[in-house]
Each structure stands twice: as structure tokens, then as C-alpha cells.
Amino acid sequence: MRLITSLLFLLLCSSIIAQSVARDQSPEAIAFQKEYEKNIKLTKINGVYIPGTLKEAHRRISKLTPKASIAKFKSAPEKEVCKKLHFGIGKWLISNWNFYNGSRISHLLKGKGVLHPDDMAQFLLRTYHRSLNDLELDEEALAEELAVERKRKAAEAFGF
């Protein structure tokens, strides 16, 4: 039931945002939409390769990370290590894989219900950790967990 409620909430929010963006015909909004549409098709942005699938993203993270660091990451508790790495590799992913302005991987994650760039980085790190440990990725439940946490933080920030 929580999953259905969360999904309905996300759909409603997405619909409201989409309608708002569709109504916003400012030059900035139009330029952003054009850039986004272009970016989600590119294999490289600013000289950085952008993965198009989750499996490809995991392979790319492995390629970019020293073997010793991967071993430490794999053996640490998932939530703890991913939280610690958020301001390192997580921010690198957000910036270099263009989560704010759109990319193949960010567009894929949005389709899974992971909408915020910080959540996208956590989703990639946590599914990567699970992949290394031969655990079920459980993408749907993870996307829901991140959305619920994002909603909780927003409610706290606005005093709801």
C-alpha cells in the first residue's frame, strides 16, 4: 500500500512539475528542455563517458575506482559506506554524469522514480554495493525508500 501511495504521490508531483514546465515558455525553460533532450542521447558530456544502463554504470564505477578501494567498499555496511562516499564519488557522479541537466543515466534513473540528483548518486552507489556482494538489487524498493526519505526531509525542512 505504501508503494502505491508513494508512486501516486510521485506521479502527481511529476505531473504538476511537467505541467508547470510546459506552461513555462520562458526562454530559459525552453533552452533547458532543449539541452536536456540533447543530453539524454549523448554518450559523452564534457569529455566524460555517460553510461546508459545500470550495469554499465556499475562497470564504469569499477573502472574508475582502485581495486583496494573496491574491496573496502564491498566489505563495509551498505548504507554507512554509501553515506560516507556521497560527498566524494557521489558528488563526482552528480557533476560528471550531469544529473542536474540530464544524461542517459539520469534519465534512466528518473524513469525508475529516482528524481533528485543526490538520490541518483545514492541509488547508483547502493546498487553497486549490492552488485559487488551478489545481492538482489531490489531497485523498486530502493527507489521507494529514497523517495520516502526525500519526502520526509522536505516535510522536516518546511515544518510539516
C-alpha atoms as a PDB file:
ATOM      1  CA  MET A   1       0.000   0.000   0.000  1.00  0.00           C
ATOM      2  CA  ARG A   2       2.857   2.395   0.838  1.00  0.00           C
ATOM      3  CA  LEU A   3       4.401   1.673  -2.539  1.00  0.00           C
ATOM      4  CA  ILE A   4       1.172   2.551  -4.339  1.00  0.00           C
ATOM      5  CA  THR A   5       0.743   5.719  -2.250  1.00  0.00           C
ATOM      6  CA  SER A   6       4.349   6.779  -2.891  1.00  0.00           C
ATOM      7  CA  LEU A   7       4.056   6.075  -6.595  1.00  0.00           C
ATOM      8  CA  LEU A   8       0.828   8.037  -6.825  1.00  0.00           C
ATOM      9  CA  PHE A   9       2.476  10.916  -4.957  1.00  0.00           C
ATOM     10  CA  LEU A  10       5.464  10.838  -7.343  1.00  0.00           C
ATOM     11  CA  LEU A  11       3.192  10.690 -10.369  1.00  0.00           C
ATOM     12  CA  LEU A  12       1.165  13.617  -9.079  1.00  0.00           C
ATOM     13  CA  CYS A  13       4.313  15.648  -8.369  1.00  0.00           C
ATOM     14  CA  SER A  14       5.792  14.734 -11.750  1.00  0.00           C
ATOM     15  CA  SER A  15       2.552  15.717 -13.454  1.00  0.00           C
ATOM     16  CA  ILE A  16       2.425  19.056 -11.644  1.00  0.00           C
ATOM     17  CA  ILE A  17       6.077  19.760 -12.458  1.00  0.00           C
ATOM     18  CA  ALA A  18       5.592  18.713 -16.088  1.00  0.00           C
ATOM     19  CA  GLN A  19       2.542  20.965 -16.391  1.00  0.00           C
ATOM     20  CA  SER A  20       4.435  23.811 -14.762  1.00  0.00           C
ATOM     21  CA  VAL A  21       7.389  23.357 -17.105  1.00  0.00           C
ATOM     22  CA  ALA A  22       5.044  23.008 -20.093  1.00  0.00           C
ATOM     23  CA  ARG A  23       3.367  26.302 -19.125  1.00  0.00           C
ATOM     24  CA  ASP A  24       6.731  27.959 -18.545  1.00  0.00           C
ATOM     25  CA  GLN A  25       7.588  29.104 -22.021  1.00  0.00           C
ATOM     26  CA  SER A  26      10.355  31.399 -20.836  1.00  0.00           C
ATOM     27  CA  PRO A  27      13.497  31.359 -22.955  1.00  0.00           C
ATOM     28  CA  GLU A  28      15.362  29.729 -20.033  1.00  0.00           C
ATOM     29  CA  ALA A  29      12.826  26.904 -19.691  1.00  0.00           C
ATOM     30  CA  ILE A  30      12.820  26.269 -23.431  1.00  0.00           C
ATOM     31  CA  ALA A  31      16.633  26.282 -23.535  1.00  0.00           C
ATOM     32  CA  PHE A  32      16.815  23.890 -20.564  1.00  0.00           C
ATOM     33  CA  GLN A  33      14.362  21.467 -22.179  1.00  0.00           C
ATOM     34  CA  LYS A  34      16.296  21.520 -25.466  1.00  0.00           C
ATOM     35  CA  GLU A  35      19.575  20.904 -23.635  1.00  0.00           C
ATOM     36  CA  TYR A  36      18.010  18.093 -21.590  1.00  0.00           C
ATOM     37  CA  GLU A  37      16.618  16.396 -24.705  1.00  0.00           C
ATOM     38  CA  LYS A  38      20.042  16.599 -26.348  1.00  0.00           C
ATOM     39  CA  ASN A  39      21.957  15.432 -23.253  1.00  0.00           C
ATOM     40  CA  ILE A  40      19.916  12.265 -22.690  1.00  0.00           C
ATOM     41  CA  LYS A  41      21.082  10.983 -26.078  1.00  0.00           C
ATOM     42  CA  LEU A  42      24.806  11.733 -25.692  1.00  0.00           C
ATOM     43  CA  THR A  43      27.371   9.051 -24.849  1.00  0.00           C
ATOM     44  CA  LYS A  44      29.838  11.740 -23.709  1.00  0.00           C
ATOM     45  CA  ILE A  45      29.280  15.059 -21.987  1.00  0.00           C
ATOM     46  CA  ASN A  46      32.239  17.387 -21.423  1.00  0.00           C
ATOM     47  CA  GLY A  47      34.573  14.563 -22.444  1.00  0.00           C
ATOM     48  CA  VAL A  48      33.195  12.153 -19.822  1.00  0.00           C
ATOM     49  CA  TYR A  49      31.600   8.867 -20.898  1.00  0.00           C
ATOM     50  CA  ILE A  50      27.987   8.583 -19.719  1.00  0.00           C
ATOM     51  CA  PRO A  51      26.649   5.059 -19.123  1.00  0.00           C
ATOM     52  CA  GLY A  52      23.237   4.181 -20.497  1.00  0.00           C
ATOM     53  CA  THR A  53      22.335   1.265 -18.202  1.00  0.00           C
ATOM     54  CA  LEU A  54      22.684   0.438 -14.525  1.00  0.00           C
ATOM     55  CA  LYS A  55      25.010  -2.470 -15.277  1.00  0.00           C
ATOM     56  CA  GLU A  56      27.166  -0.210 -17.440  1.00  0.00           C
ATOM     57  CA  ALA A  57      27.259   2.408 -14.650  1.00  0.00           C
ATOM     58  CA  HIS A  58      28.485  -0.241 -12.214  1.00  0.00           C
ATOM     59  CA  ARG A  59      31.202  -1.348 -14.656  1.00  0.00           C
ATOM     60  CA  ARG A  60      32.252   2.272 -15.143  1.00  0.00           C
ATOM     61  CA  ILE A  61      32.482   2.885 -11.376  1.00  0.00           C
ATOM     62  CA  SER A  62      34.657  -0.248 -11.099  1.00  0.00           C
ATOM     63  CA  LYS A  63      36.906   1.005 -13.874  1.00  0.00           C
ATOM     64  CA  LEU A  64      37.316   4.407 -12.197  1.00  0.00           C
ATOM     65  CA  THR A  65      37.994   3.007  -8.706  1.00  0.00           C
ATOM     66  CA  PRO A  66      41.208   1.393  -7.409  1.00  0.00           C
ATOM     67  CA  LYS A  67      40.835  -2.350  -6.639  1.00  0.00           C
ATOM     68  CA  ALA A  68      41.785  -1.883  -2.971  1.00  0.00           C
ATOM     69  CA  SER A  69      39.064   0.755  -2.567  1.00  0.00           C
ATOM     70  CA  ILE A  70      36.504  -1.544  -4.178  1.00  0.00           C
ATOM     71  CA  ALA A  71      37.400  -4.301  -1.701  1.00  0.00           C
ATOM     72  CA  LYS A  72      36.923  -1.925   1.266  1.00  0.00           C
ATOM     73  CA  PHE A  73      33.656  -0.632  -0.189  1.00  0.00           C
ATOM     74  CA  LYS A  74      32.367  -4.169  -0.738  1.00  0.00           C
ATOM     75  CA  SER A  75      33.098  -5.307   2.821  1.00  0.00           C
ATOM     76  CA  ALA A  76      31.597  -2.267   4.574  1.00  0.00           C
ATOM     77  CA  PRO A  77      27.911  -1.956   5.579  1.00  0.00           C
ATOM     78  CA  GLU A  78      25.913  -0.645   2.586  1.00  0.00           C
ATOM     79  CA  LYS A  79      24.146   2.411   3.995  1.00  0.00           C
ATOM     80  CA  GLU A  80      27.119   3.509   6.082  1.00  0.00           C
ATOM     81  CA  VAL A  81      29.707   3.328   3.305  1.00  0.00           C
ATOM     82  CA  CYS A  82      27.418   4.883   0.679  1.00  0.00           C
ATOM     83  CA  LYS A  83      26.625   7.773   3.013  1.00  0.00           C
ATOM     84  CA  LYS A  84      30.350   8.338   3.659  1.00  0.00           C
ATOM     85  CA  LEU A  85      31.154   8.272  -0.057  1.00  0.00           C
ATOM     86  CA  HIS A  86      28.335  10.626  -1.026  1.00  0.00           C
ATOM     87  CA  PHE A  87      30.494  13.755  -0.809  1.00  0.00           C
ATOM     88  CA  GLY A  88      33.311  12.092  -2.749  1.00  0.00           C
ATOM     89  CA  ILE A  89      32.365   9.783  -5.578  1.00  0.00           C
ATOM     90  CA  GLY A  90      28.677  10.642  -5.148  1.00  0.00           C
ATOM     91  CA  LYS A  91      29.283  14.303  -5.959  1.00  0.00           C
ATOM     92  CA  TRP A  92      31.605  13.265  -8.803  1.00  0.00           C
ATOM     93  CA  LEU A  93      28.761  11.187 -10.296  1.00  0.00           C
ATOM     94  CA  ILE A  94      26.265  14.039  -9.912  1.00  0.00           C
ATOM     95  CA  SER A  95      28.562  16.525 -11.582  1.00  0.00           C
ATOM     96  CA  ASN A  96      30.307  14.442 -14.240  1.00  0.00           C
ATOM     97  CA  TRP A  97      27.318  12.312 -15.209  1.00  0.00           C
ATOM     98  CA  ASN A  98      25.271  15.518 -15.481  1.00  0.00           C
ATOM     99  CA  PHE A  99      22.391  14.623 -13.164  1.00  0.00           C
ATOM    100  CA  TYR A 100      21.075  18.189 -12.959  1.00  0.00           C
ATOM    101  CA  ASN A 101      20.949  18.927 -16.687  1.00  0.00           C
ATOM    102  CA  GLY A 102      20.188  15.423 -17.901  1.00  0.00           C
ATOM    103  CA  SER A 103      22.164  12.487 -19.225  1.00  0.00           C
ATOM    104  CA  ARG A 104      21.468   8.956 -20.364  1.00  0.00           C
ATOM    105  CA  ILE A 105      21.929   7.566 -16.847  1.00  0.00           C
ATOM    106  CA  SER A 106      19.991  10.316 -15.040  1.00  0.00           C
ATOM    107  CA  HIS A 107      17.123   9.908 -17.487  1.00  0.00           C
ATOM    108  CA  LEU A 108      17.111   6.142 -16.850  1.00  0.00           C
ATOM    109  CA  LEU A 109      17.023   6.728 -13.082  1.00  0.00           C
ATOM    110  CA  LYS A 110      14.169   9.237 -13.403  1.00  0.00           C
ATOM    111  CA  GLY A 111      12.247   6.524 -15.214  1.00  0.00           C
ATOM    112  CA  LYS A 112      12.762   4.316 -12.160  1.00  0.00           C
ATOM    113  CA  GLY A 113      11.330   7.028  -9.896  1.00  0.00           C
ATOM    114  CA  VAL A 114      14.669   8.358  -8.620  1.00  0.00           C
ATOM    115  CA  LEU A 115      14.232  12.087  -9.202  1.00  0.00           C
ATOM    116  CA  HIS A 116      16.745  14.021  -7.096  1.00  0.00           C
ATOM    117  CA  PRO A 117      20.447  14.081  -8.087  1.00  0.00           C
ATOM    118  CA  ASP A 118      21.582  13.174  -4.542  1.00  0.00           C
ATOM    119  CA  ASP A 119      19.200  10.205  -4.593  1.00  0.00           C
ATOM    120  CA  MET A 120      20.523   9.190  -8.014  1.00  0.00           C
ATOM    121  CA  ALA A 121      24.061   9.045  -6.611  1.00  0.00           C
ATOM    122  CA  GLN A 122      22.874   7.009  -3.616  1.00  0.00           C
ATOM    123  CA  PHE A 123      20.887   4.679  -5.869  1.00  0.00           C
ATOM    124  CA  LEU A 124      23.955   4.011  -8.017  1.00  0.00           C
ATOM    125  CA  LEU A 125      26.268   3.511  -5.039  1.00  0.00           C
ATOM    126  CA  ARG A 126      23.870   1.249  -3.168  1.00  0.00           C
ATOM    127  CA  THR A 127      23.008  -0.908  -6.177  1.00  0.00           C
ATOM    128  CA  TYR A 128      26.732  -1.095  -6.980  1.00  0.00           C
ATOM    129  CA  HIS A 129      27.423  -2.293  -3.416  1.00  0.00           C
ATOM    130  CA  ARG A 130      24.684  -4.907  -3.740  1.00  0.00           C
ATOM    131  CA  SER A 131      26.018  -5.994  -7.117  1.00  0.00           C
ATOM    132  CA  LEU A 132      29.531  -6.477  -5.712  1.00  0.00           C
ATOM    133  CA  ASN A 133      28.083  -8.613  -2.926  1.00  0.00           C
ATOM    134  CA  ASP A 134      25.900 -10.674  -5.289  1.00  0.00           C
ATOM    135  CA  LEU A 135      22.741  -9.413  -3.588  1.00  0.00           C
ATOM    136  CA  GLU A 136      19.410  -8.679  -5.212  1.00  0.00           C
ATOM    137  CA  LEU A 137      19.438  -5.062  -6.384  1.00  0.00           C
ATOM    138  CA  ASP A 138      15.768  -4.581  -5.451  1.00  0.00           C
ATOM    139  CA  GLU A 139      15.629  -1.397  -7.498  1.00  0.00           C
ATOM    140  CA  GLU A 140      11.934  -0.670  -6.946  1.00  0.00           C
ATOM    141  CA  ALA A 141      12.149  -0.885  -3.155  1.00  0.00           C
ATOM    142  CA  LEU A 142      15.322   1.214  -3.099  1.00  0.00           C
ATOM    143  CA  ALA A 143      13.739   3.885  -5.308  1.00  0.00           C
ATOM    144  CA  GLU A 144      10.734   3.969  -2.962  1.00  0.00           C
ATOM    145  CA  GLU A 145      12.966   4.164   0.119  1.00  0.00           C
ATOM    146  CA  LEU A 146      14.875   7.118  -1.328  1.00  0.00           C
ATOM    147  CA  ALA A 147      11.648   8.894  -2.344  1.00  0.00           C
ATOM    148  CA  VAL A 148      10.135   8.437   1.120  1.00  0.00           C
ATOM    149  CA  GLU A 149      13.313   9.754   2.760  1.00  0.00           C
ATOM    150  CA  ARG A 150      13.387  12.740   0.368  1.00  0.00           C
ATOM    151  CA  LYS A 151       9.722  13.489   1.201  1.00  0.00           C
ATOM    152  CA  ARG A 152      10.451  13.191   4.949  1.00  0.00           C
ATOM    153  CA  LYS A 153      13.403  15.605   4.705  1.00  0.00           C
ATOM    154  CA  ALA A 154      11.303  18.091   2.713  1.00  0.00           C
ATOM    155  CA  ALA A 155       8.491  17.917   5.271  1.00  0.00           C
ATOM    156  CA  GLU A 156      11.010  18.461   8.097  1.00  0.00           C
ATOM    157  CA  ALA A 157      12.589  21.402   6.299  1.00  0.00           C
ATOM    158  CA  PHE A 158       9.218  23.073   5.783  1.00  0.00           C
ATOM    159  CA  GLY A 159       7.891  22.205   9.252  1.00  0.00           C
ATOM    160  CA  PHE A 160       5.138  19.806   8.175  1.00  0.00           C
END
